[in-house]
PDB file of N, CA and C in Angstrom:
ATOM      1  N   MET A   1     173.992  95.516 144.666  1.00  0.00           N
ATOM      2  CA  MET A   1     174.064  95.770 143.246  1.00  0.00           C
ATOM      3  C   MET A   1     172.693  96.178 142.712  1.00  0.00           C
ATOM      4  N   GLY A   2     172.742  97.124 141.783  1.00  0.00           N
ATOM      5  CA  GLY A   2     171.503  97.563 141.168  1.00  0.00           C
ATOM      6  C   GLY A   2     171.082  96.658 140.035  1.00  0.00           C
ATOM      7  N   LYS A   3     169.918  96.928 139.519  1.00  0.00           N
ATOM      8  CA  LYS A   3     169.400  96.125 138.408  1.00  0.00           C
ATOM      9  C   LYS A   3     170.059  96.563 137.110  1.00  0.00           C
ATOM     10  N   LYS A   4     170.208  95.615 136.209  1.00  0.00           N
ATOM     11  CA  LYS A   4     170.710  95.943 134.877  1.00  0.00           C
ATOM     12  C   LYS A   4     169.546  96.410 134.034  1.00  0.00           C
ATOM     13  N   ARG A   5     169.756  97.503 133.340  1.00  0.00           N
ATOM     14  CA  ARG A   5     168.718  98.059 132.479  1.00  0.00           C
ATOM     15  C   ARG A   5     169.322  98.408 131.128  1.00  0.00           C
ATOM     16  N   LYS A   6     168.500  98.329 130.103  1.00  0.00           N
ATOM     17  CA  LYS A   6     168.939  98.776 128.791  1.00  0.00           C
ATOM     18  C   LYS A   6     168.964 100.294 128.784  1.00  0.00           C
ATOM     19  N   VAL A   7     170.002 100.840 128.194  1.00  0.00           N
ATOM     20  CA  VAL A   7     170.138 102.281 128.118  1.00  0.00           C
ATOM     21  C   VAL A   7     170.328 102.674 126.661  1.00  0.00           C
ATOM     22  N   GLN A   8     169.627 103.686 126.241  1.00  0.00           N
ATOM     23  CA  GLN A   8     169.809 104.199 124.892  1.00  0.00           C
ATOM     24  C   GLN A   8     170.655 105.461 124.981  1.00  0.00           C
ATOM     25  N   CYS A   9     171.630 105.550 124.125  1.00  0.00           N
ATOM     26  CA  CYS A   9     172.550 106.692 124.139  1.00  0.00           C
ATOM     27  C   CYS A   9     172.567 107.355 122.769  1.00  0.00           C
ATOM     28  N   ALA A  10     172.980 108.609 122.773  1.00  0.00           N
ATOM     29  CA  ALA A  10     173.137 109.337 121.512  1.00  0.00           C
ATOM     30  C   ALA A  10     174.253 110.355 121.698  1.00  0.00           C
ATOM     31  N   ASN A  11     174.956 110.635 120.605  1.00  0.00           N
ATOM     32  CA  ASN A  11     175.954 111.695 120.653  1.00  0.00           C
ATOM     33  C   ASN A  11     175.247 113.046 120.457  1.00  0.00           C
ATOM     34  N   THR A  12     176.008 114.120 120.454  1.00  0.00           N
ATOM     35  CA  THR A  12     175.418 115.463 120.362  1.00  0.00           C
ATOM     36  C   THR A  12     174.604 115.628 119.085  1.00  0.00           C
ATOM     37  N   GLU A  13     175.171 115.196 117.971  1.00  0.00           N
ATOM     38  CA  GLU A  13     174.449 115.309 116.708  1.00  0.00           C
ATOM     39  C   GLU A  13     173.144 114.520 116.755  1.00  0.00           C
ATOM     40  N   GLY A  14     173.203 113.322 117.319  1.00  0.00           N
ATOM     41  CA  GLY A  14     172.007 112.498 117.449  1.00  0.00           C
ATOM     42  C   GLY A  14     170.942 113.157 118.314  1.00  0.00           C
ATOM     43  N   LEU A  15     171.370 113.779 119.406  1.00  0.00           N
ATOM     44  CA  LEU A  15     170.412 114.479 120.276  1.00  0.00           C
ATOM     45  C   LEU A  15     169.750 115.643 119.547  1.00  0.00           C
ATOM     46  N   PHE A  16     170.521 116.374 118.756  1.00  0.00           N
ATOM     47  CA  PHE A  16     169.941 117.478 117.988  1.00  0.00           C
ATOM     48  C   PHE A  16     168.911 116.955 116.981  1.00  0.00           C
ATOM     49  N   ARG A  17     169.213 115.827 116.361  1.00  0.00           N
ATOM     50  CA  ARG A  17     168.270 115.235 115.412  1.00  0.00           C
ATOM     51  C   ARG A  17     166.980 114.793 116.125  1.00  0.00           C
ATOM     52  N   ILE A  18     167.141 114.244 117.318  1.00  0.00           N
ATOM     53  CA  ILE A  18     165.966 113.831 118.097  1.00  0.00           C
ATOM     54  C   ILE A  18     165.112 115.057 118.429  1.00  0.00           C
ATOM     55  N   ILE A  19     165.747 116.120 118.875  1.00  0.00           N
ATOM     56  CA  ILE A  19     165.022 117.353 119.203  1.00  0.00           C
ATOM     57  C   ILE A  19     164.277 117.874 117.985  1.00  0.00           C
ATOM     58  N   GLN A  20     164.939 117.845 116.821  1.00  0.00           N
ATOM     59  CA  GLN A  20     164.301 118.328 115.596  1.00  0.00           C
ATOM     60  C   GLN A  20     163.057 117.516 115.242  1.00  0.00           C
ATOM     61  N   SER A  21     163.039 116.258 115.631  1.00  0.00           N
ATOM     62  CA  SER A  21     161.924 115.384 115.249  1.00  0.00           C
ATOM     63  C   SER A  21     160.756 115.427 116.228  1.00  0.00           C
ATOM     64  N   ILE A  22     160.890 116.117 117.343  1.00  0.00           N
ATOM     65  CA  ILE A  22     159.820 116.168 118.348  1.00  0.00           C
ATOM     66  C   ILE A  22     158.675 117.024 117.815  1.00  0.00           C
ATOM     67  N   PRO A  23     157.474 116.465 117.719  1.00  0.00           N
ATOM     68  CA  PRO A  23     156.357 117.211 117.137  1.00  0.00           C
ATOM     69  C   PRO A  23     155.629 118.120 118.137  1.00  0.00           C
ATOM     70  N   SER A  24     156.184 118.364 119.298  1.00  0.00           N
ATOM     71  CA  SER A  24     155.510 119.157 120.325  1.00  0.00           C
ATOM     72  C   SER A  24     155.846 120.642 120.181  1.00  0.00           C
ATOM     73  N   SER A  25     154.862 121.465 120.480  1.00  0.00           N
ATOM     74  CA  SER A  25     155.092 122.917 120.453  1.00  0.00           C
ATOM     75  C   SER A  25     156.076 123.327 121.553  1.00  0.00           C
ATOM     76  N   LYS A  26     156.212 122.500 122.604  1.00  0.00           N
ATOM     77  CA  LYS A  26     157.150 122.799 123.681  1.00  0.00           C
ATOM     78  C   LYS A  26     158.605 122.716 123.214  1.00  0.00           C
ATOM     79  N   ALA A  27     158.843 122.027 122.106  1.00  0.00           N
ATOM     80  CA  ALA A  27     160.203 121.894 121.577  1.00  0.00           C
ATOM     81  C   ALA A  27     160.556 123.016 120.606  1.00  0.00           C
ATOM     82  N   GLU A  28     159.601 123.871 120.294  1.00  0.00           N
ATOM     83  CA  GLU A  28     159.828 124.903 119.275  1.00  0.00           C
ATOM     84  C   GLU A  28     160.942 125.878 119.641  1.00  0.00           C
ATOM     85  N   SER A  29     161.023 126.288 120.905  1.00  0.00           N
ATOM     86  CA  SER A  29     162.078 127.244 121.267  1.00  0.00           C
ATOM     87  C   SER A  29     163.463 126.619 121.061  1.00  0.00           C
ATOM     88  N   CYS A  30     163.596 125.352 121.381  1.00  0.00           N
ATOM     89  CA  CYS A  30     164.867 124.660 121.175  1.00  0.00           C
ATOM     90  C   CYS A  30     165.150 124.510 119.681  1.00  0.00           C
ATOM     91  N   LYS A  31     164.140 124.209 118.890  1.00  0.00           N
ATOM     92  CA  LYS A  31     164.308 124.078 117.440  1.00  0.00           C
ATOM     93  C   LYS A  31     164.730 125.421 116.830  1.00  0.00           C
ATOM     94  N   ARG A  32     164.135 126.510 117.298  1.00  0.00           N
ATOM     95  CA  ARG A  32     164.515 127.840 116.804  1.00  0.00           C
ATOM     96  C   ARG A  32     165.960 128.151 117.162  1.00  0.00           C
ATOM     97  N   TRP A  33     166.360 127.790 118.395  1.00  0.00           N
ATOM     98  CA  TRP A  33     167.745 128.014 118.823  1.00  0.00           C
ATOM     99  C   TRP A  33     168.700 127.218 117.939  1.00  0.00           C
ATOM    100  N   LEU A  34     168.381 125.949 117.673  1.00  0.00           N
ATOM    101  CA  LEU A  34     169.235 125.127 116.809  1.00  0.00           C
ATOM    102  C   LEU A  34     169.350 125.739 115.406  1.00  0.00           C
ATOM    103  N   ALA A  35     168.248 126.222 114.876  1.00  0.00           N
ATOM    104  CA  ALA A  35     168.269 126.844 113.552  1.00  0.00           C
ATOM    105  C   ALA A  35     169.130 128.106 113.570  1.00  0.00           C
ATOM    106  N   LYS A  36     169.009 128.907 114.632  1.00  0.00           N
ATOM    107  CA  LYS A  36     169.798 130.140 114.757  1.00  0.00           C
ATOM    108  C   LYS A  36     171.289 129.819 114.821  1.00  0.00           C
ATOM    109  N   VAL A  37     171.658 128.847 115.649  1.00  0.00           N
ATOM    110  CA  VAL A  37     173.067 128.481 115.790  1.00  0.00           C
ATOM    111  C   VAL A  37     173.602 127.902 114.476  1.00  0.00           C
ATOM    112  N   GLY A  38     172.810 127.079 113.822  1.00  0.00           N
ATOM    113  CA  GLY A  38     173.217 126.538 112.524  1.00  0.00           C
ATOM    114  C   GLY A  38     173.452 127.640 111.505  1.00  0.00           C
ATOM    115  N   TYR A  39     172.557 128.611 111.470  1.00  0.00           N
ATOM    116  CA  TYR A  39     172.707 129.744 110.561  1.00  0.00           C
ATOM    117  C   TYR A  39     173.981 130.533 110.878  1.00  0.00           C
ATOM    118  N   GLU A  40     174.233 130.759 112.167  1.00  0.00           N
ATOM    119  CA  GLU A  40     175.437 131.494 112.565  1.00  0.00           C
ATOM    120  C   GLU A  40     176.707 130.759 112.138  1.00  0.00           C
ATOM    121  N   ARG A  41     176.709 129.430 112.272  1.00  0.00           N
ATOM    122  CA  ARG A  41     177.900 128.663 111.880  1.00  0.00           C
ATOM    123  C   ARG A  41     178.119 128.732 110.384  1.00  0.00           C
ATOM    124  N   ILE A  42     177.039 128.735 109.600  1.00  0.00           N
ATOM    125  CA  ILE A  42     177.172 128.880 108.145  1.00  0.00           C
ATOM    126  C   ILE A  42     177.745 130.254 107.812  1.00  0.00           C
ATOM    127  N   GLN A  43     177.293 131.293 108.524  1.00  0.00           N
ATOM    128  CA  GLN A  43     177.857 132.627 108.318  1.00  0.00           C
ATOM    129  C   GLN A  43     179.352 132.627 108.636  1.00  0.00           C
ATOM    130  N   GLU A  44     179.751 131.910 109.690  1.00  0.00           N
ATOM    131  CA  GLU A  44     181.161 131.858 110.082  1.00  0.00           C
ATOM    132  C   GLU A  44     182.001 131.116 109.048  1.00  0.00           C
ATOM    133  N   ILE A  45     181.415 130.147 108.366  1.00  0.00           N
ATOM    134  CA  ILE A  45     182.134 129.466 107.282  1.00  0.00           C
ATOM    135  C   ILE A  45     182.388 130.451 106.152  1.00  0.00           C
ATOM    136  N   GLU A  46     181.398 131.282 105.860  1.00  0.00           N
ATOM    137  CA  GLU A  46     181.534 132.279 104.806  1.00  0.00           C
ATOM    138  C   GLU A  46     182.479 133.409 105.208  1.00  0.00           C
ATOM    139  N   ASP A  47     182.507 133.764 106.490  1.00  0.00           N
ATOM    140  CA  ASP A  47     183.361 134.846 107.011  1.00  0.00           C
ATOM    141  C   ASP A  47     183.971 134.408 108.334  1.00  0.00           C
ATOM    142  N   PRO A  48     185.163 133.780 108.290  1.00  0.00           N
ATOM    143  CA  PRO A  48     185.779 133.240 109.508  1.00  0.00           C
ATOM    144  C   PRO A  48     186.036 134.268 110.617  1.00  0.00           C
ATOM    145  N   GLU A  49     186.116 135.547 110.283  1.00  0.00           N
ATOM    146  CA  GLU A  49     186.298 136.563 111.319  1.00  0.00           C
ATOM    147  C   GLU A  49     185.130 136.585 112.299  1.00  0.00           C
ATOM    148  N   LEU A  50     183.953 136.198 111.833  1.00  0.00           N
ATOM    149  CA  LEU A  50     182.790 136.150 112.723  1.00  0.00           C
ATOM    150  C   LEU A  50     183.002 135.136 113.844  1.00  0.00           C
ATOM    151  N   ALA A  51     183.650 134.027 113.518  1.00  0.00           N
ATOM    152  CA  ALA A  51     183.928 133.008 114.543  1.00  0.00           C
ATOM    153  C   ALA A  51     184.868 133.561 115.598  1.00  0.00           C
ATOM    154  N   GLN A  52     185.871 134.312 115.158  1.00  0.00           N
ATOM    155  CA  GLN A  52     186.813 134.894 116.114  1.00  0.00           C
ATOM    156  C   GLN A  52     186.117 135.954 116.981  1.00  0.00           C
ATOM    157  N   LYS A  53     185.247 136.724 116.399  1.00  0.00           N
ATOM    158  CA  LYS A  53     184.492 137.714 117.178  1.00  0.00           C
ATOM    159  C   LYS A  53     183.611 137.021 118.218  1.00  0.00           C
ATOM    160  N   ARG A  54     182.988 135.896 117.809  1.00  0.00           N
ATOM    161  CA  ARG A  54     182.140 135.144 118.735  1.00  0.00           C
ATOM    162  C   ARG A  54     182.981 134.587 119.874  1.00  0.00           C
ATOM    163  N   MET A  55     184.176 134.072 119.556  1.00  0.00           N
ATOM    164  CA  MET A  55     185.060 133.533 120.586  1.00  0.00           C
ATOM    165  C   MET A  55     185.422 134.632 121.596  1.00  0.00           C
ATOM    166  N   ARG A  56     185.791 135.794 121.093  1.00  0.00           N
ATOM    167  CA  ARG A  56     186.159 136.900 121.985  1.00  0.00           C
ATOM    168  C   ARG A  56     184.968 137.306 122.869  1.00  0.00           C
ATOM    169  N   ALA A  57     183.781 137.355 122.283  1.00  0.00           N
ATOM    170  CA  ALA A  57     182.588 137.736 123.052  1.00  0.00           C
ATOM    171  C   ALA A  57     182.289 136.701 124.143  1.00  0.00           C
ATOM    172  N   LEU A  58     182.484 135.415 123.840  1.00  0.00           N
ATOM    173  CA  LEU A  58     182.249 134.378 124.840  1.00  0.00           C
ATOM    174  C   LEU A  58     183.245 134.485 125.999  1.00  0.00           C
ATOM    175  N   TYR A  59     184.525 134.693 125.678  1.00  0.00           N
ATOM    176  CA  TYR A  59     185.520 134.868 126.748  1.00  0.00           C
ATOM    177  C   TYR A  59     185.208 136.112 127.576  1.00  0.00           C
ATOM    178  N   LYS A  60     184.800 137.184 126.930  1.00  0.00           N
ATOM    179  CA  LYS A  60     184.446 138.424 127.631  1.00  0.00           C
ATOM    180  C   LYS A  60     183.258 138.170 128.569  1.00  0.00           C
ATOM    181  N   ALA A  61     182.252 137.440 128.070  1.00  0.00           N
ATOM    182  CA  ALA A  61     181.068 137.143 128.881  1.00  0.00           C
ATOM    183  C   ALA A  61     181.426 136.282 130.089  1.00  0.00           C
ATOM    184  N   LYS A  62     182.477 135.482 129.960  1.00  0.00           N
ATOM    185  CA  LYS A  62     182.924 134.643 131.075  1.00  0.00           C
ATOM    186  C   LYS A  62     183.785 135.433 132.064  1.00  0.00           C
ATOM    187  N   GLY A  63     184.066 136.689 131.736  1.00  0.00           N
ATOM    188  CA  GLY A  63     184.783 137.539 132.673  1.00  0.00           C
ATOM    189  C   GLY A  63     186.281 137.648 132.455  1.00  0.00           C
ATOM    190  N   TYR A  64     186.783 137.090 131.359  1.00  0.00           N
ATOM    191  CA  TYR A  64     188.215 137.188 131.096  1.00  0.00           C
ATOM    192  C   TYR A  64     188.572 138.611 130.670  1.00  0.00           C
ATOM    193  N   PRO A  65     189.720 139.125 131.137  1.00  0.00           N
ATOM    194  CA  PRO A  65     190.129 140.481 130.731  1.00  0.00           C
ATOM    195  C   PRO A  65     190.599 140.506 129.282  1.00  0.00           C
ATOM    196  N   ASP A  66     190.529 141.693 128.677  1.00  0.00           N
ATOM    197  CA  ASP A  66     190.932 141.837 127.283  1.00  0.00           C
ATOM    198  C   ASP A  66     192.372 141.386 127.052  1.00  0.00           C
ATOM    199  N   SER A  67     193.266 141.654 127.995  1.00  0.00           N
ATOM    200  CA  SER A  67     194.668 141.260 127.830  1.00  0.00           C
ATOM    201  C   SER A  67     194.793 139.740 127.748  1.00  0.00           C
ATOM    202  N   TRP A  68     194.025 139.015 128.563  1.00  0.00           N
ATOM    203  CA  TRP A  68     194.053 137.555 128.530  1.00  0.00           C
ATOM    204  C   TRP A  68     193.494 137.042 127.214  1.00  0.00           C
ATOM    205  N   ILE A  69     192.393 137.646 126.758  1.00  0.00           N
ATOM    206  CA  ILE A  69     191.760 137.235 125.496  1.00  0.00           C
ATOM    207  C   ILE A  69     192.737 137.425 124.341  1.00  0.00           C
ATOM    208  N   GLU A  70     193.444 138.548 124.345  1.00  0.00           N
ATOM    209  CA  GLU A  70     194.421 138.822 123.288  1.00  0.00           C
ATOM    210  C   GLU A  70     195.545 137.787 123.306  1.00  0.00           C
ATOM    211  N   LYS A  71     196.062 137.467 124.488  1.00  0.00           N
ATOM    212  CA  LYS A  71     197.114 136.448 124.602  1.00  0.00           C
ATOM    213  C   LYS A  71     196.613 135.097 124.131  1.00  0.00           C
ATOM    214  N   ARG A  72     195.401 134.756 124.510  1.00  0.00           N
ATOM    215  CA  ARG A  72     194.812 133.468 124.116  1.00  0.00           C
ATOM    216  C   ARG A  72     194.672 133.392 122.599  1.00  0.00           C
ATOM    217  N   THR A  73     194.184 134.461 121.994  1.00  0.00           N
ATOM    218  CA  THR A  73     194.001 134.499 120.545  1.00  0.00           C
ATOM    219  C   THR A  73     195.342 134.361 119.821  1.00  0.00           C
ATOM    220  N   ARG A  74     196.349 135.087 120.303  1.00  0.00           N
ATOM    221  CA  ARG A  74     197.684 134.977 119.696  1.00  0.00           C
ATOM    222  C   ARG A  74     198.253 133.578 119.884  1.00  0.00           C
ATOM    223  N   GLY A  75     198.040 133.004 121.068  1.00  0.00           N
ATOM    224  CA  GLY A  75     198.532 131.660 121.343  1.00  0.00           C
ATOM    225  C   GLY A  75     197.932 130.623 120.403  1.00  0.00           C
ATOM    226  N   ILE A  76     196.643 130.764 120.117  1.00  0.00           N
ATOM    227  CA  ILE A  76     195.972 129.851 119.191  1.00  0.00           C
ATOM    228  C   ILE A  76     196.576 129.984 117.796  1.00  0.00           C
ATOM    229  N   ALA A  77     196.769 131.223 117.348  1.00  0.00           N
ATOM    230  CA  ALA A  77     197.339 131.458 116.016  1.00  0.00           C
ATOM    231  C   ALA A  77     198.754 130.895 115.914  1.00  0.00           C
ATOM    232  N   ILE A  78     199.556 131.120 116.953  1.00  0.00           N
ATOM    233  CA  ILE A  78     200.929 130.607 116.954  1.00  0.00           C
ATOM    234  C   ILE A  78     200.929 129.083 116.918  1.00  0.00           C
ATOM    235  N   ARG A  79     200.070 128.466 117.707  1.00  0.00           N
ATOM    236  CA  ARG A  79     199.994 127.001 117.732  1.00  0.00           C
ATOM    237  C   ARG A  79     199.568 126.462 116.369  1.00  0.00           C
ATOM    238  N   GLU A  80     198.635 127.122 115.712  1.00  0.00           N
ATOM    239  CA  GLU A  80     198.208 126.686 114.379  1.00  0.00           C
ATOM    240  C   GLU A  80     199.355 126.784 113.379  1.00  0.00           C
ATOM    241  N   ASP A  81     200.109 127.875 113.433  1.00  0.00           N
ATOM    242  CA  ASP A  81     201.277 128.024 112.550  1.00  0.00           C
ATOM    243  C   ASP A  81     202.293 126.912 112.810  1.00  0.00           C
ATOM    244  N   LEU A  82     202.522 126.639 114.073  1.00  0.00           N
ATOM    245  CA  LEU A  82     203.483 125.600 114.437  1.00  0.00           C
ATOM    246  C   LEU A  82     203.040 124.234 113.927  1.00  0.00           C
ATOM    247  N   THR A  83     201.790 123.884 114.162  1.00  0.00           N
ATOM    248  CA  THR A  83     201.322 122.567 113.714  1.00  0.00           C
ATOM    249  C   THR A  83     201.279 122.485 112.184  1.00  0.00           C
ATOM    250  N   ASP A  84     201.010 123.606 111.519  1.00  0.00           N
ATOM    251  CA  ASP A  84     201.074 123.617 110.052  1.00  0.00           C
ATOM    252  C   ASP A  84     202.497 123.295 109.584  1.00  0.00           C
ATOM    253  N   GLN A  85     203.489 123.892 110.235  1.00  0.00           N
ATOM    254  CA  GLN A  85     204.879 123.608 109.888  1.00  0.00           C
ATOM    255  C   GLN A  85     205.224 122.141 110.151  1.00  0.00           C
ATOM    256  N   TRP A  86     204.770 121.622 111.266  1.00  0.00           N
ATOM    257  CA  TRP A  86     205.015 120.216 111.582  1.00  0.00           C
ATOM    258  C   TRP A  86     204.391 119.312 110.522  1.00  0.00           C
ATOM    259  N   ASN A  87     203.182 119.644 110.097  1.00  0.00           N
ATOM    260  CA  ASN A  87     202.514 118.851 109.057  1.00  0.00           C
ATOM    261  C   ASN A  87     203.308 118.866 107.757  1.00  0.00           C
ATOM    262  N   LYS A  88     203.851 120.037 107.405  1.00  0.00           N
ATOM    263  CA  LYS A  88     204.633 120.156 106.173  1.00  0.00           C
ATOM    264  C   LYS A  88     205.891 119.297 106.219  1.00  0.00           C
ATOM    265  N   THR A  89     206.427 119.075 107.408  1.00  0.00           N
ATOM    266  CA  THR A  89     207.644 118.268 107.528  1.00  0.00           C
ATOM    267  C   THR A  89     207.340 116.793 107.758  1.00  0.00           C
ATOM    268  N   GLY A  90     206.063 116.436 107.711  1.00  0.00           N
ATOM    269  CA  GLY A  90     205.701 115.033 107.789  1.00  0.00           C
ATOM    270  C   GLY A  90     205.302 114.524 109.161  1.00  0.00           C
ATOM    271  N   VAL A  91     205.169 115.403 110.131  1.00  0.00           N
ATOM    272  CA  VAL A  91     204.739 114.961 111.457  1.00  0.00           C
ATOM    273  C   VAL A  91     203.284 114.537 111.365  1.00  0.00           C
ATOM    274  N   LYS A  92     203.029 113.338 111.820  1.00  0.00           N
ATOM    275  CA  LYS A  92     201.665 112.799 111.794  1.00  0.00           C
ATOM    276  C   LYS A  92     201.415 112.106 113.127  1.00  0.00           C
ATOM    277  N   GLY A  93     200.218 112.171 113.565  1.00  0.00           N
ATOM    278  CA  GLY A  93     199.840 111.403 114.746  1.00  0.00           C
ATOM    279  C   GLY A  93     200.020 112.128 116.065  1.00  0.00           C
ATOM    280  N   GLU A  94     199.169 111.735 116.991  1.00  0.00           N
ATOM    281  CA  GLU A  94     199.115 112.351 118.314  1.00  0.00           C
ATOM    282  C   GLU A  94     200.416 112.169 119.094  1.00  0.00           C
ATOM    283  N   LYS A  95     201.028 111.003 118.981  1.00  0.00           N
ATOM    284  CA  LYS A  95     202.249 110.729 119.746  1.00  0.00           C
ATOM    285  C   LYS A  95     203.386 111.664 119.333  1.00  0.00           C
ATOM    286  N   GLU A  96     203.545 111.882 118.018  1.00  0.00           N
ATOM    287  CA  GLU A  96     204.598 112.775 117.548  1.00  0.00           C
ATOM    288  C   GLU A  96     204.356 114.216 118.002  1.00  0.00           C
ATOM    289  N   TYR A  97     203.108 114.665 117.958  1.00  0.00           N
ATOM    290  CA  TYR A  97     202.781 116.003 118.447  1.00  0.00           C
ATOM    291  C   TYR A  97     203.093 116.127 119.940  1.00  0.00           C
ATOM    292  N   ALA A  98     202.772 115.093 120.699  1.00  0.00           N
ATOM    293  CA  ALA A  98     203.043 115.111 122.136  1.00  0.00           C
ATOM    294  C   ALA A  98     204.540 115.217 122.412  1.00  0.00           C
ATOM    295  N   ILE A  99     205.348 114.468 121.662  1.00  0.00           N
ATOM    296  CA  ILE A  99     206.799 114.519 121.852  1.00  0.00           C
ATOM    297  C   ILE A  99     207.335 115.904 121.536  1.00  0.00           C
ATOM    298  N   LEU A 100     206.921 116.468 120.410  1.00  0.00           N
ATOM    299  CA  LEU A 100     207.392 117.809 120.030  1.00  0.00           C
ATOM    300  C   LEU A 100     206.947 118.868 121.037  1.00  0.00           C
ATOM    301  N   THR A 101     205.706 118.797 121.471  1.00  0.00           N
ATOM    302  CA  THR A 101     205.198 119.747 122.457  1.00  0.00           C
ATOM    303  C   THR A 101     205.980 119.641 123.755  1.00  0.00           C
ATOM    304  N   SER A 102     206.278 118.427 124.174  1.00  0.00           N
ATOM    305  CA  SER A 102     207.040 118.214 125.395  1.00  0.00           C
ATOM    306  C   SER A 102     208.448 118.799 125.275  1.00  0.00           C
ATOM    307  N   GLU A 103     209.077 118.619 124.123  1.00  0.00           N
ATOM    308  CA  GLU A 103     210.433 119.152 123.906  1.00  0.00           C
ATOM    309  C   GLU A 103     210.435 120.686 123.932  1.00  0.00           C
ATOM    310  N   ILE A 104     209.430 121.287 123.356  1.00  0.00           N
ATOM    311  CA  ILE A 104     209.326 122.754 123.381  1.00  0.00           C
ATOM    312  C   ILE A 104     209.138 123.239 124.814  1.00  0.00           C
ATOM    313  N   SER A 105     208.268 122.575 125.568  1.00  0.00           N
ATOM    314  CA  SER A 105     208.031 122.960 126.964  1.00  0.00           C
ATOM    315  C   SER A 105     209.299 122.808 127.799  1.00  0.00           C
ATOM    316  N   LYS A 106     210.043 121.747 127.539  1.00  0.00           N
ATOM    317  CA  LYS A 106     211.280 121.521 128.286  1.00  0.00           C
ATOM    318  C   LYS A 106     212.295 122.624 127.979  1.00  0.00           C
ATOM    319  N   ALA A 107     212.423 122.978 126.691  1.00  0.00           N
ATOM    320  CA  ALA A 107     213.381 124.010 126.303  1.00  0.00           C
ATOM    321  C   ALA A 107     212.974 125.398 126.803  1.00  0.00           C
ATOM    322  N   ALA A 108     211.684 125.687 126.750  1.00  0.00           N
ATOM    323  CA  ALA A 108     211.208 127.031 127.105  1.00  0.00           C
ATOM    324  C   ALA A 108     211.029 127.221 128.615  1.00  0.00           C
ATOM    325  N   PHE A 109     210.536 126.193 129.296  1.00  0.00           N
ATOM    326  CA  PHE A 109     210.152 126.359 130.697  1.00  0.00           C
ATOM    327  C   PHE A 109     210.831 125.404 131.652  1.00  0.00           C
ATOM    328  N   GLY A 110     211.605 124.474 131.104  1.00  0.00           N
ATOM    329  CA  GLY A 110     212.289 123.511 131.979  1.00  0.00           C
ATOM    330  C   GLY A 110     211.404 122.406 132.487  1.00  0.00           C
ATOM    331  N   VAL A 111     210.210 122.263 131.933  1.00  0.00           N
ATOM    332  CA  VAL A 111     209.298 121.192 132.337  1.00  0.00           C
ATOM    333  C   VAL A 111     208.834 120.441 131.100  1.00  0.00           C
ATOM    334  N   THR A 112     208.513 119.188 131.271  1.00  0.00           N
ATOM    335  CA  THR A 112     207.974 118.403 130.175  1.00  0.00           C
ATOM    336  C   THR A 112     206.504 118.164 130.390  1.00  0.00           C
ATOM    337  N   THR A 113     205.809 117.984 129.299  1.00  0.00           N
ATOM    338  CA  THR A 113     204.394 117.632 129.384  1.00  0.00           C
ATOM    339  C   THR A 113     204.315 116.118 129.368  1.00  0.00           C
ATOM    340  N   VAL A 114     203.604 115.582 130.313  1.00  0.00           N
ATOM    341  CA  VAL A 114     203.497 114.138 130.435  1.00  0.00           C
ATOM    342  C   VAL A 114     202.045 113.761 130.452  1.00  0.00           C
ATOM    343  N   ARG A 115     201.689 112.770 129.665  1.00  0.00           N
ATOM    344  CA  ARG A 115     200.305 112.267 129.671  1.00  0.00           C
ATOM    345  C   ARG A 115     200.159 111.256 130.785  1.00  0.00           C
ATOM    346  N   ALA A 116     199.100 111.390 131.532  1.00  0.00           N
ATOM    347  CA  ALA A 116     198.817 110.431 132.614  1.00  0.00           C
ATOM    348  C   ALA A 116     198.132 109.213 132.082  1.00  0.00           C
TER     349      ALA A 116
END
């Protein structure tokens, strides 16, 4: 058995805050990157199409073909419409979404989605 040691942890937001507080010039490139990404996200809030363009560019950079990217984008939109409809009818909670998703999969493909 190894020794027990105290460990300090932080989530992503906490790590970004720690990076921002580092007074070293070696952290400047990371601070500039964080500022750039933050600015881009604010632009995407103002114009949501920018977020979709960024998503497509990331999938393209990962090597996905345009046909796959188009299907993925449509699939996301369809899923959002579906969950919006479910919300309007009072569906709440992860368990209810899982049941509905499983029923759709069973009807469409003959398989159910099961959580392990």
